[in-house]
Amino acid sequence: SIGDNGMGGWYSYRISKAALNMATKNMSLELKRSGVWCVSLHPGTTDTGLSKPFQKNVKPEKLFTTKFTVSQLLGVVESMDVSHTGSFFAWDGQEIEW
């Protein structure tokens, strides 16, 4: 999120995530009229090929299996209601500031 960027760098990655966040917010406003909810989810660092190059900097207890990540995200989604639309949530259900 913009709120936790204390290092700079990673321009393309950060810009694409900012666009995704705006798309989530914008779509949530329009889709809510049709009864559709729209949220962004942060899965945490999941043990996949994408995260391999960065795993050395991740504490072991913060590197999740895909099974754990899917279970957590399903639980987060199942706990939501319409009041959550347009927001961003972490794997543990905590709301993340934009």
PDB file of N, CA and C in Angstrom:
ATOM      1  N   SER A   1       0.841  -1.190   0.000  1.00  0.00           N
ATOM      2  CA  SER A   1       0.000   0.000   0.000  1.00  0.00           C
ATOM      3  C   SER A   1       0.884   1.251   0.000  1.00  0.00           C
ATOM      4  N   ILE A   2       0.298   2.349  -0.319  1.00  0.00           N
ATOM      5  CA  ILE A   2       1.023   3.620  -0.296  1.00  0.00           C
ATOM      6  C   ILE A   2       1.457   3.923   1.127  1.00  0.00           C
ATOM      7  N   GLY A   3       0.608   3.580   2.089  1.00  0.00           N
ATOM      8  CA  GLY A   3       0.896   3.884   3.481  1.00  0.00           C
ATOM      9  C   GLY A   3       2.100   3.167   4.054  1.00  0.00           C
ATOM     10  N   ASP A   4       2.462   2.005   3.504  1.00  0.00           N
ATOM     11  CA  ASP A   4       3.599   1.277   4.079  1.00  0.00           C
ATOM     12  C   ASP A   4       4.858   1.359   3.217  1.00  0.00           C
ATOM     13  N   ASN A   5       4.868   2.250   2.219  1.00  0.00           N
ATOM     14  CA  ASN A   5       6.046   2.402   1.361  1.00  0.00           C
ATOM     15  C   ASN A   5       7.053   3.314   2.040  1.00  0.00           C
ATOM     16  N   GLY A   6       8.055   2.704   2.645  1.00  0.00           N
ATOM     17  CA  GLY A   6       9.101   3.473   3.309  1.00  0.00           C
ATOM     18  C   GLY A   6      10.444   3.367   2.615  1.00  0.00           C
ATOM     19  N   MET A   7      10.500   2.672   1.461  1.00  0.00           N
ATOM     20  CA  MET A   7      11.775   2.436   0.791  1.00  0.00           C
ATOM     21  C   MET A   7      11.866   3.033  -0.604  1.00  0.00           C
ATOM     22  N   GLY A   8      10.738   3.272  -1.256  1.00  0.00           N
ATOM     23  CA  GLY A   8      10.779   3.702  -2.650  1.00  0.00           C
ATOM     24  C   GLY A   8      11.117   2.531  -3.548  1.00  0.00           C
ATOM     25  N   GLY A   9      11.550   2.818  -4.770  1.00  0.00           N
ATOM     26  CA  GLY A   9      11.933   1.770  -5.703  1.00  0.00           C
ATOM     27  C   GLY A   9      10.753   0.954  -6.194  1.00  0.00           C
ATOM     28  N   TRP A  10      11.069  -0.100  -6.933  1.00  0.00           N
ATOM     29  CA  TRP A  10      10.082  -1.038  -7.473  1.00  0.00           C
ATOM     30  C   TRP A  10       8.960  -0.293  -8.197  1.00  0.00           C
ATOM     31  N   TYR A  11       9.332   0.644  -9.049  1.00  0.00           N
ATOM     32  CA  TYR A  11       8.354   1.532  -9.664  1.00  0.00           C
ATOM     33  C   TYR A  11       7.222   0.812 -10.393  1.00  0.00           C
ATOM     34  N   SER A  12       7.556  -0.070 -11.300  1.00  0.00           N
ATOM     35  CA  SER A  12       6.505  -0.748 -12.080  1.00  0.00           C
ATOM     36  C   SER A  12       5.564  -1.537 -11.186  1.00  0.00           C
ATOM     37  N   TYR A  13       6.128  -2.260 -10.219  1.00  0.00           N
ATOM     38  CA  TYR A  13       5.315  -3.051  -9.304  1.00  0.00           C
ATOM     39  C   TYR A  13       4.383  -2.148  -8.501  1.00  0.00           C
ATOM     40  N   ARG A  14       4.941  -1.099  -7.915  1.00  0.00           N
ATOM     41  CA  ARG A  14       4.144  -0.214  -7.060  1.00  0.00           C
ATOM     42  C   ARG A  14       3.082   0.548  -7.859  1.00  0.00           C
ATOM     43  N   ILE A  15       3.434   0.983  -9.062  1.00  0.00           N
ATOM     44  CA  ILE A  15       2.473   1.696  -9.899  1.00  0.00           C
ATOM     45  C   ILE A  15       1.323   0.770 -10.297  1.00  0.00           C
ATOM     46  N   SER A  16       1.639  -0.479 -10.638  1.00  0.00           N
ATOM     47  CA  SER A  16       0.576  -1.418 -11.021  1.00  0.00           C
ATOM     48  C   SER A  16      -0.350  -1.702  -9.840  1.00  0.00           C
ATOM     49  N   LYS A  17       0.207  -1.773  -8.628  1.00  0.00           N
ATOM     50  CA  LYS A  17      -0.634  -2.018  -7.452  1.00  0.00           C
ATOM     51  C   LYS A  17      -1.506  -0.808  -7.140  1.00  0.00           C
ATOM     52  N   ALA A  18      -0.982   0.394  -7.342  1.00  0.00           N
ATOM     53  CA  ALA A  18      -1.792   1.598  -7.133  1.00  0.00           C
ATOM     54  C   ALA A  18      -2.963   1.621  -8.109  1.00  0.00           C
ATOM     55  N   ALA A  19      -2.705   1.210  -9.360  1.00  0.00           N
ATOM     56  CA  ALA A  19      -3.782   1.141 -10.349  1.00  0.00           C
ATOM     57  C   ALA A  19      -4.819   0.092  -9.951  1.00  0.00           C
ATOM     58  N   LEU A  20      -4.354  -1.041  -9.457  1.00  0.00           N
ATOM     59  CA  LEU A  20      -5.270  -2.086  -9.001  1.00  0.00           C
ATOM     60  C   LEU A  20      -6.139  -1.583  -7.847  1.00  0.00           C
ATOM     61  N   ASN A  21      -5.526  -0.863  -6.922  1.00  0.00           N
ATOM     62  CA  ASN A  21      -6.287  -0.332  -5.785  1.00  0.00           C
ATOM     63  C   ASN A  21      -7.362   0.652  -6.248  1.00  0.00           C
ATOM     64  N   MET A  22      -7.015   1.518  -7.195  1.00  0.00           N
ATOM     65  CA  MET A  22      -8.001   2.464  -7.719  1.00  0.00           C
ATOM     66  C   MET A  22      -9.100   1.730  -8.471  1.00  0.00           C
ATOM     67  N   ALA A  23      -8.741   0.706  -9.223  1.00  0.00           N
ATOM     68  CA  ALA A  23      -9.753  -0.077  -9.936  1.00  0.00           C
ATOM     69  C   ALA A  23     -10.714  -0.728  -8.947  1.00  0.00           C
ATOM     70  N   THR A  24     -10.187  -1.270  -7.857  1.00  0.00           N
ATOM     71  CA  THR A  24     -11.039  -1.893  -6.837  1.00  0.00           C
ATOM     72  C   THR A  24     -12.018  -0.874  -6.274  1.00  0.00           C
ATOM     73  N   LYS A  25     -11.514   0.284  -5.901  1.00  0.00           N
ATOM     74  CA  LYS A  25     -12.370   1.321  -5.317  1.00  0.00           C
ATOM     75  C   LYS A  25     -13.411   1.792  -6.315  1.00  0.00           C
ATOM     76  N   ASN A  26     -12.976   2.070  -7.532  1.00  0.00           N
ATOM     77  CA  ASN A  26     -13.882   2.578  -8.556  1.00  0.00           C
ATOM     78  C   ASN A  26     -14.960   1.551  -8.914  1.00  0.00           C
ATOM     79  N   MET A  27     -14.543   0.308  -9.160  1.00  0.00           N
ATOM     80  CA  MET A  27     -15.508  -0.738  -9.506  1.00  0.00           C
ATOM     81  C   MET A  27     -16.471  -1.010  -8.361  1.00  0.00           C
ATOM     82  N   SER A  28     -15.973  -0.903  -7.125  1.00  0.00           N
ATOM     83  CA  SER A  28     -16.857  -1.179  -5.987  1.00  0.00           C
ATOM     84  C   SER A  28     -18.026  -0.206  -5.946  1.00  0.00           C
ATOM     85  N   LEU A  29     -17.781   1.041  -6.312  1.00  0.00           N
ATOM     86  CA  LEU A  29     -18.844   2.047  -6.299  1.00  0.00           C
ATOM     87  C   LEU A  29     -19.895   1.747  -7.364  1.00  0.00           C
ATOM     88  N   GLU A  30     -19.433   1.359  -8.544  1.00  0.00           N
ATOM     89  CA  GLU A  30     -20.365   1.065  -9.629  1.00  0.00           C
ATOM     90  C   GLU A  30     -21.072  -0.278  -9.437  1.00  0.00           C
ATOM     91  N   LEU A  31     -20.319  -1.311  -9.068  1.00  0.00           N
ATOM     92  CA  LEU A  31     -20.889  -2.654  -8.962  1.00  0.00           C
ATOM     93  C   LEU A  31     -21.821  -2.812  -7.759  1.00  0.00           C
ATOM     94  N   LYS A  32     -21.602  -2.007  -6.731  1.00  0.00           N
ATOM     95  CA  LYS A  32     -22.465  -2.068  -5.545  1.00  0.00           C
ATOM     96  C   LYS A  32     -23.927  -1.823  -5.926  1.00  0.00           C
ATOM     97  N   ARG A  33     -24.131  -1.000  -6.937  1.00  0.00           N
ATOM     98  CA  ARG A  33     -25.498  -0.700  -7.413  1.00  0.00           C
ATOM     99  C   ARG A  33     -26.201  -1.954  -7.936  1.00  0.00           C
ATOM    100  N   SER A  34     -25.406  -2.930  -8.347  1.00  0.00           N
ATOM    101  CA  SER A  34     -25.951  -4.193  -8.864  1.00  0.00           C
ATOM    102  C   SER A  34     -25.872  -5.315  -7.835  1.00  0.00           C
ATOM    103  N   GLY A  35     -25.471  -4.978  -6.611  1.00  0.00           N
ATOM    104  CA  GLY A  35     -25.385  -5.972  -5.558  1.00  0.00           C
ATOM    105  C   GLY A  35     -24.092  -6.772  -5.547  1.00  0.00           C
ATOM    106  N   VAL A  36     -23.082  -6.286  -6.252  1.00  0.00           N
ATOM    107  CA  VAL A  36     -21.790  -6.982  -6.314  1.00  0.00           C
ATOM    108  C   VAL A  36     -20.798  -6.265  -5.418  1.00  0.00           C
ATOM    109  N   TRP A  37     -20.052  -7.017  -4.624  1.00  0.00           N
ATOM    110  CA  TRP A  37     -19.019  -6.453  -3.762  1.00  0.00           C
ATOM    111  C   TRP A  37     -17.673  -6.612  -4.437  1.00  0.00           C
ATOM    112  N   CYS A  38     -16.780  -5.683  -4.175  1.00  0.00           N
ATOM    113  CA  CYS A  38     -15.464  -5.711  -4.799  1.00  0.00           C
ATOM    114  C   CYS A  38     -14.423  -5.326  -3.737  1.00  0.00           C
ATOM    115  N   VAL A  39     -13.475  -6.221  -3.475  1.00  0.00           N
ATOM    116  CA  VAL A  39     -12.417  -5.949  -2.496  1.00  0.00           C
ATOM    117  C   VAL A  39     -11.071  -6.376  -3.082  1.00  0.00           C
ATOM    118  N   SER A  40     -10.010  -5.854  -2.493  1.00  0.00           N
ATOM    119  CA  SER A  40      -8.660  -6.329  -2.808  1.00  0.00           C
ATOM    120  C   SER A  40      -8.167  -7.139  -1.625  1.00  0.00           C
ATOM    121  N   LEU A  41      -7.418  -8.198  -1.922  1.00  0.00           N
ATOM    122  CA  LEU A  41      -6.888  -9.074  -0.877  1.00  0.00           C
ATOM    123  C   LEU A  41      -5.370  -9.184  -0.991  1.00  0.00           C
ATOM    124  N   HIS A  42      -4.705  -9.108   0.144  1.00  0.00           N
ATOM    125  CA  HIS A  42      -3.254  -9.302   0.207  1.00  0.00           C
ATOM    126  C   HIS A  42      -3.022 -10.686   0.814  1.00  0.00           C
ATOM    127  N   PRO A  43      -2.463 -11.622   0.034  1.00  0.00           N
ATOM    128  CA  PRO A  43      -2.315 -12.994   0.509  1.00  0.00           C
ATOM    129  C   PRO A  43      -1.135 -13.220   1.453  1.00  0.00           C
ATOM    130  N   GLY A  44      -0.326 -12.192   1.677  1.00  0.00           N
ATOM    131  CA  GLY A  44       0.917 -12.417   2.406  1.00  0.00           C
ATOM    132  C   GLY A  44       1.928 -13.045   1.455  1.00  0.00           C
ATOM    133  N   THR A  45       3.104 -13.360   1.954  1.00  0.00           N
ATOM    134  CA  THR A  45       4.118 -13.979   1.106  1.00  0.00           C
ATOM    135  C   THR A  45       3.864 -15.477   1.064  1.00  0.00           C
ATOM    136  N   THR A  46       3.501 -15.938  -0.113  1.00  0.00           N
ATOM    137  CA  THR A  46       3.154 -17.340  -0.313  1.00  0.00           C
ATOM    138  C   THR A  46       4.299 -18.033  -1.039  1.00  0.00           C
ATOM    139  N   ASP A  47       4.589 -19.245  -0.620  1.00  0.00           N
ATOM    140  CA  ASP A  47       5.712 -20.011  -1.161  1.00  0.00           C
ATOM    141  C   ASP A  47       5.401 -20.484  -2.578  1.00  0.00           C
ATOM    142  N   THR A  48       5.697 -19.620  -3.540  1.00  0.00           N
ATOM    143  CA  THR A  48       5.503 -19.925  -4.964  1.00  0.00           C
ATOM    144  C   THR A  48       6.748 -19.490  -5.723  1.00  0.00           C
ATOM    145  N   GLY A  49       6.799 -19.811  -6.991  1.00  0.00           N
ATOM    146  CA  GLY A  49       7.920 -19.404  -7.818  1.00  0.00           C
ATOM    147  C   GLY A  49       8.080 -17.893  -7.881  1.00  0.00           C
ATOM    148  N   LEU A  50       6.983 -17.171  -7.819  1.00  0.00           N
ATOM    149  CA  LEU A  50       7.033 -15.716  -7.872  1.00  0.00           C
ATOM    150  C   LEU A  50       7.773 -15.124  -6.670  1.00  0.00           C
ATOM    151  N   SER A  51       7.578 -15.719  -5.501  1.00  0.00           N
ATOM    152  CA  SER A  51       8.207 -15.174  -4.292  1.00  0.00           C
ATOM    153  C   SER A  51       9.594 -15.747  -4.008  1.00  0.00           C
ATOM    154  N   LYS A  52      10.006 -16.777  -4.721  1.00  0.00           N
ATOM    155  CA  LYS A  52      11.307 -17.422  -4.447  1.00  0.00           C
ATOM    156  C   LYS A  52      12.460 -16.430  -4.326  1.00  0.00           C
ATOM    157  N   PRO A  53      12.618 -15.475  -5.259  1.00  0.00           N
ATOM    158  CA  PRO A  53      13.765 -14.571  -5.169  1.00  0.00           C
ATOM    159  C   PRO A  53      13.780 -13.695  -3.905  1.00  0.00           C
ATOM    160  N   PHE A  54      12.646 -13.560  -3.244  1.00  0.00           N
ATOM    161  CA  PHE A  54      12.531 -12.662  -2.095  1.00  0.00           C
ATOM    162  C   PHE A  54      12.398 -13.394  -0.762  1.00  0.00           C
ATOM    163  N   GLN A  55      12.335 -14.703  -0.786  1.00  0.00           N
ATOM    164  CA  GLN A  55      12.053 -15.474   0.421  1.00  0.00           C
ATOM    165  C   GLN A  55      13.149 -15.388   1.477  1.00  0.00           C
ATOM    166  N   LYS A  56      14.371 -15.122   1.086  1.00  0.00           N
ATOM    167  CA  LYS A  56      15.452 -15.060   2.074  1.00  0.00           C
ATOM    168  C   LYS A  56      15.244 -13.939   3.083  1.00  0.00           C
ATOM    169  N   ASN A  57      14.437 -12.928   2.713  1.00  0.00           N
ATOM    170  CA  ASN A  57      14.165 -11.800   3.607  1.00  0.00           C
ATOM    171  C   ASN A  57      12.870 -11.955   4.398  1.00  0.00           C
ATOM    172  N   VAL A  58      12.226 -13.108   4.263  1.00  0.00           N
ATOM    173  CA  VAL A  58      10.939 -13.344   4.922  1.00  0.00           C
ATOM    174  C   VAL A  58      11.143 -14.265   6.123  1.00  0.00           C
ATOM    175  N   LYS A  59      10.610 -13.853   7.260  1.00  0.00           N
ATOM    176  CA  LYS A  59      10.675 -14.708   8.452  1.00  0.00           C
ATOM    177  C   LYS A  59       9.917 -16.002   8.165  1.00  0.00           C
ATOM    178  N   PRO A  60      10.428 -17.141   8.627  1.00  0.00           N
ATOM    179  CA  PRO A  60       9.773 -18.436   8.333  1.00  0.00           C
ATOM    180  C   PRO A  60       8.285 -18.468   8.682  1.00  0.00           C
ATOM    181  N   GLU A  61       7.901 -17.829   9.772  1.00  0.00           N
ATOM    182  CA  GLU A  61       6.490 -17.843  10.172  1.00  0.00           C
ATOM    183  C   GLU A  61       5.617 -16.943   9.282  1.00  0.00           C
ATOM    184  N   LYS A  62       6.236 -16.150   8.415  1.00  0.00           N
ATOM    185  CA  LYS A  62       5.501 -15.265   7.504  1.00  0.00           C
ATOM    186  C   LYS A  62       5.544 -15.758   6.056  1.00  0.00           C
ATOM    187  N   LEU A  63       6.132 -16.930   5.824  1.00  0.00           N
ATOM    188  CA  LEU A  63       6.143 -17.541   4.495  1.00  0.00           C
ATOM    189  C   LEU A  63       5.093 -18.648   4.498  1.00  0.00           C
ATOM    190  N   PHE A  64       4.017 -18.438   3.765  1.00  0.00           N
ATOM    191  CA  PHE A  64       2.859 -19.310   3.841  1.00  0.00           C
ATOM    192  C   PHE A  64       2.811 -20.336   2.715  1.00  0.00           C
ATOM    193  N   THR A  65       2.263 -21.497   3.029  1.00  0.00           N
ATOM    194  CA  THR A  65       1.996 -22.495   1.987  1.00  0.00           C
ATOM    195  C   THR A  65       0.784 -22.022   1.186  1.00  0.00           C
ATOM    196  N   THR A  66       0.641 -22.530  -0.018  1.00  0.00           N
ATOM    197  CA  THR A  66      -0.522 -22.155  -0.817  1.00  0.00           C
ATOM    198  C   THR A  66      -1.823 -22.624  -0.151  1.00  0.00           C
ATOM    199  N   LYS A  67      -1.792 -23.781   0.478  1.00  0.00           N
ATOM    200  CA  LYS A  67      -2.982 -24.294   1.164  1.00  0.00           C
ATOM    201  C   LYS A  67      -3.411 -23.344   2.281  1.00  0.00           C
ATOM    202  N   PHE A  68      -2.447 -22.870   3.077  1.00  0.00           N
ATOM    203  CA  PHE A  68      -2.743 -21.931   4.151  1.00  0.00           C
ATOM    204  C   PHE A  68      -3.318 -20.636   3.587  1.00  0.00           C
ATOM    205  N   THR A  69      -2.672 -20.105   2.553  1.00  0.00           N
ATOM    206  CA  THR A  69      -3.113 -18.841   1.957  1.00  0.00           C
ATOM    207  C   THR A  69      -4.544 -18.936   1.438  1.00  0.00           C
ATOM    208  N   VAL A  70      -4.854 -19.997   0.706  1.00  0.00           N
ATOM    209  CA  VAL A  70      -6.207 -20.166   0.168  1.00  0.00           C
ATOM    210  C   VAL A  70      -7.219 -20.263   1.301  1.00  0.00           C
ATOM    211  N   SER A  71      -6.907 -21.028   2.322  1.00  0.00           N
ATOM    212  CA  SER A  71      -7.809 -21.181   3.460  1.00  0.00           C
ATOM    213  C   SER A  71      -8.064 -19.833   4.138  1.00  0.00           C
ATOM    214  N   GLN A  72      -7.003 -19.085   4.352  1.00  0.00           N
ATOM    215  CA  GLN A  72      -7.135 -17.780   5.016  1.00  0.00           C
ATOM    216  C   GLN A  72      -7.975 -16.817   4.185  1.00  0.00           C
ATOM    217  N   LEU A  73      -7.686 -16.727   2.883  1.00  0.00           N
ATOM    218  CA  LEU A  73      -8.413 -15.780   2.035  1.00  0.00           C
ATOM    219  C   LEU A  73      -9.890 -16.154   1.906  1.00  0.00           C
ATOM    220  N   LEU A  74     -10.175 -17.447   1.821  1.00  0.00           N
ATOM    221  CA  LEU A  74     -11.583 -17.869   1.792  1.00  0.00           C
ATOM    222  C   LEU A  74     -12.291 -17.470   3.084  1.00  0.00           C
ATOM    223  N   GLY A  75     -11.614 -17.625   4.206  1.00  0.00           N
ATOM    224  CA  GLY A  75     -12.193 -17.218   5.484  1.00  0.00           C
ATOM    225  C   GLY A  75     -12.455 -15.721   5.540  1.00  0.00           C
ATOM    226  N   VAL A  76     -11.536 -14.940   5.014  1.00  0.00           N
ATOM    227  CA  VAL A  76     -11.710 -13.484   4.984  1.00  0.00           C
ATOM    228  C   VAL A  76     -12.936 -13.134   4.141  1.00  0.00           C
ATOM    229  N   VAL A  77     -13.010 -13.693   2.951  1.00  0.00           N
ATOM    230  CA  VAL A  77     -14.128 -13.391   2.051  1.00  0.00           C
ATOM    231  C   VAL A  77     -15.453 -13.835   2.672  1.00  0.00           C
ATOM    232  N   GLU A  78     -15.478 -14.998   3.286  1.00  0.00           N
ATOM    233  CA  GLU A  78     -16.722 -15.503   3.886  1.00  0.00           C
ATOM    234  C   GLU A  78     -17.191 -14.664   5.062  1.00  0.00           C
ATOM    235  N   SER A  79     -16.294 -13.892   5.668  1.00  0.00           N
ATOM    236  CA  SER A  79     -16.668 -13.073   6.822  1.00  0.00           C
ATOM    237  C   SER A  79     -17.176 -11.686   6.425  1.00  0.00           C
ATOM    238  N   MET A  80     -17.172 -11.382   5.144  1.00  0.00           N
ATOM    239  CA  MET A  80     -17.501 -10.036   4.685  1.00  0.00           C
ATOM    240  C   MET A  80     -18.985  -9.841   4.435  1.00  0.00           C
ATOM    241  N   ASP A  81     -19.348  -8.563   4.436  1.00  0.00           N
ATOM    242  CA  ASP A  81     -20.678  -8.160   4.017  1.00  0.00           C
ATOM    243  C   ASP A  81     -20.527  -6.906   3.160  1.00  0.00           C
ATOM    244  N   VAL A  82     -21.619  -6.330   2.747  1.00  0.00           N
ATOM    245  CA  VAL A  82     -21.598  -5.201   1.820  1.00  0.00           C
ATOM    246  C   VAL A  82     -20.796  -4.014   2.346  1.00  0.00           C
ATOM    247  N   SER A  83     -20.675  -3.884   3.654  1.00  0.00           N
ATOM    248  CA  SER A  83     -19.935  -2.743   4.212  1.00  0.00           C
ATOM    249  C   SER A  83     -18.436  -2.819   3.903  1.00  0.00           C
ATOM    250  N   HIS A  84     -17.950  -3.962   3.490  1.00  0.00           N
ATOM    251  CA  HIS A  84     -16.525  -4.130   3.198  1.00  0.00           C
ATOM    252  C   HIS A  84     -16.153  -3.776   1.759  1.00  0.00           C
ATOM    253  N   THR A  85     -17.155  -3.589   0.903  1.00  0.00           N
ATOM    254  CA  THR A  85     -16.855  -3.335  -0.502  1.00  0.00           C
ATOM    255  C   THR A  85     -16.017  -2.071  -0.671  1.00  0.00           C
ATOM    256  N   GLY A  86     -15.059  -2.144  -1.593  1.00  0.00           N
ATOM    257  CA  GLY A  86     -14.185  -1.002  -1.863  1.00  0.00           C
ATOM    258  C   GLY A  86     -12.979  -0.905  -0.966  1.00  0.00           C
ATOM    259  N   SER A  87     -12.707  -1.946  -0.185  1.00  0.00           N
ATOM    260  CA  SER A  87     -11.599  -1.903   0.762  1.00  0.00           C
ATOM    261  C   SER A  87     -10.543  -2.959   0.443  1.00  0.00           C
ATOM    262  N   PHE A  88      -9.471  -2.922   1.215  1.00  0.00           N
ATOM    263  CA  PHE A  88      -8.297  -3.769   1.000  1.00  0.00           C
ATOM    264  C   PHE A  88      -8.045  -4.522   2.306  1.00  0.00           C
ATOM    265  N   PHE A  89      -7.890  -5.857   2.211  1.00  0.00           N
ATOM    266  CA  PHE A  89      -7.736  -6.680   3.400  1.00  0.00           C
ATOM    267  C   PHE A  89      -6.553  -7.631   3.281  1.00  0.00           C
ATOM    268  N   ALA A  90      -5.922  -7.877   4.406  1.00  0.00           N
ATOM    269  CA  ALA A  90      -4.800  -8.812   4.482  1.00  0.00           C
ATOM    270  C   ALA A  90      -5.316 -10.228   4.704  1.00  0.00           C
ATOM    271  N   TRP A  91      -4.425 -11.175   4.570  1.00  0.00           N
ATOM    272  CA  TRP A  91      -4.716 -12.600   4.730  1.00  0.00           C
ATOM    273  C   TRP A  91      -5.334 -12.925   6.093  1.00  0.00           C
ATOM    274  N   ASP A  92      -5.077 -12.084   7.090  1.00  0.00           N
ATOM    275  CA  ASP A  92      -5.598 -12.333   8.442  1.00  0.00           C
ATOM    276  C   ASP A  92      -6.883 -11.565   8.730  1.00  0.00           C
ATOM    277  N   GLY A  93      -7.446 -10.928   7.707  1.00  0.00           N
ATOM    278  CA  GLY A  93      -8.698 -10.198   7.869  1.00  0.00           C
ATOM    279  C   GLY A  93      -8.555  -8.743   8.280  1.00  0.00           C
ATOM    280  N   GLN A  94      -7.349  -8.310   8.547  1.00  0.00           N
ATOM    281  CA  GLN A  94      -7.125  -6.921   8.938  1.00  0.00           C
ATOM    282  C   GLN A  94      -7.258  -6.012   7.729  1.00  0.00           C
ATOM    283  N   GLU A  95      -7.948  -4.882   7.899  1.00  0.00           N
ATOM    284  CA  GLU A  95      -8.051  -3.923   6.800  1.00  0.00           C
ATOM    285  C   GLU A  95      -6.715  -3.214   6.630  1.00  0.00           C
ATOM    286  N   ILE A  96      -6.305  -3.033   5.384  1.00  0.00           N
ATOM    287  CA  ILE A  96      -5.046  -2.362   5.053  1.00  0.00           C
ATOM    288  C   ILE A  96      -5.378  -0.975   4.503  1.00  0.00           C
ATOM    289  N   GLU A  97      -4.684   0.031   4.997  1.00  0.00           N
ATOM    290  CA  GLU A  97      -4.915   1.367   4.471  1.00  0.00           C
ATOM    291  C   GLU A  97      -4.422   1.452   3.021  1.00  0.00           C
ATOM    292  N   TRP A  98      -5.117   2.266   2.237  1.00  0.00           N
ATOM    293  CA  TRP A  98      -4.689   2.432   0.855  1.00  0.00           C
ATOM    294  C   TRP A  98      -3.382   3.171   0.850  1.00  0.00           C
TER     295      TRP A  98
END
